[in-house]
Protein backbone atom coordinates (compact mmCIF):
# COMPACT_ATOMS: atom_id res chain seq x y z
CA MET A 1 0.01 0.10 0.09
CA ASP A 2 0.92 3.72 -0.62
CA LYS A 3 2.28 5.33 2.41
CA ARG A 4 0.76 8.41 1.40
CA LYS A 5 -2.44 6.85 1.35
CA VAL A 6 -2.35 5.62 4.96
CA ILE A 7 -0.75 8.92 5.85
CA THR A 8 -4.09 10.76 4.18
CA ALA A 9 -6.69 7.61 6.46
CA TYR A 10 -4.73 8.68 9.41
CA GLN A 11 -5.22 12.61 8.65
CA ARG A 12 -9.16 12.06 7.62
CA GLY A 13 -9.78 10.22 11.16
CA PHE A 14 -10.04 6.63 9.27
CA ILE A 15 -7.27 4.74 11.34
CA THR A 16 -5.43 5.60 14.14
CA ILE A 17 -1.77 6.49 14.91
CA GLN A 18 -0.70 3.05 16.01
CA GLU A 19 -2.80 1.27 13.02
CA CYS A 20 -1.08 3.79 10.45
CA SER A 21 2.65 2.70 12.28
CA GLN A 22 1.75 -0.73 12.04
CA ILE A 23 0.35 -0.72 8.66
CA LEU A 24 3.73 1.18 7.49
CA GLY A 25 5.76 -1.18 9.84
CA ILE A 26 7.34 1.92 11.63
CA GLU A 27 8.05 3.15 14.89
CA ASN A 28 5.67 6.10 16.04
CA VAL A 29 8.49 8.67 16.09
CA HIS A 30 9.34 7.49 12.90
CA LEU A 31 5.97 8.02 11.39
CA SER A 32 5.67 11.73 13.12
CA ARG A 33 8.33 12.50 11.05
CA LEU A 34 6.39 11.36 7.67
CA ILE A 35 3.18 12.93 8.34
CA GLN A 36 4.77 16.25 9.35
CA GLU A 37 6.62 16.29 5.94
CA ALA A 38 3.20 15.06 4.53
CA VAL A 39 1.62 18.26 5.78
CA ASN A 40 4.71 20.51 4.62
CA ASN A 41 4.54 19.18 1.30
CA CYS A 42 0.93 19.40 0.24
CA ASP A 43 -1.89 22.26 0.91
CA THR A 44 -4.64 21.07 3.54
CA GLU A 45 -7.20 21.14 0.89
CA ASP A 46 -5.56 19.11 -1.41
CA ILE A 47 -5.80 16.55 1.35
CA VAL A 48 -9.36 17.33 2.53
CA ASN A 49 -10.28 17.26 -1.36
CA GLN A 50 -8.33 13.87 -2.49
CA PRO A 51 -10.30 10.73 -2.88
CA ILE A 52 -8.69 7.98 -0.36
CA ASN A 53 -9.14 5.51 -3.19
CA GLY A 54 -6.67 6.98 -5.81
């Protein structure tokens, strides 16, 4: 599964931070950095308006 889709699912509230880290197979500290990078790389509007399925 694409990391961006998992992070977007977390940001939208579909999964918890623990579920997100388990799916990606990384620790919460590393996951926090990935999420921060994702937020910095795109607008909040882009996250809200993109469909989760692709």
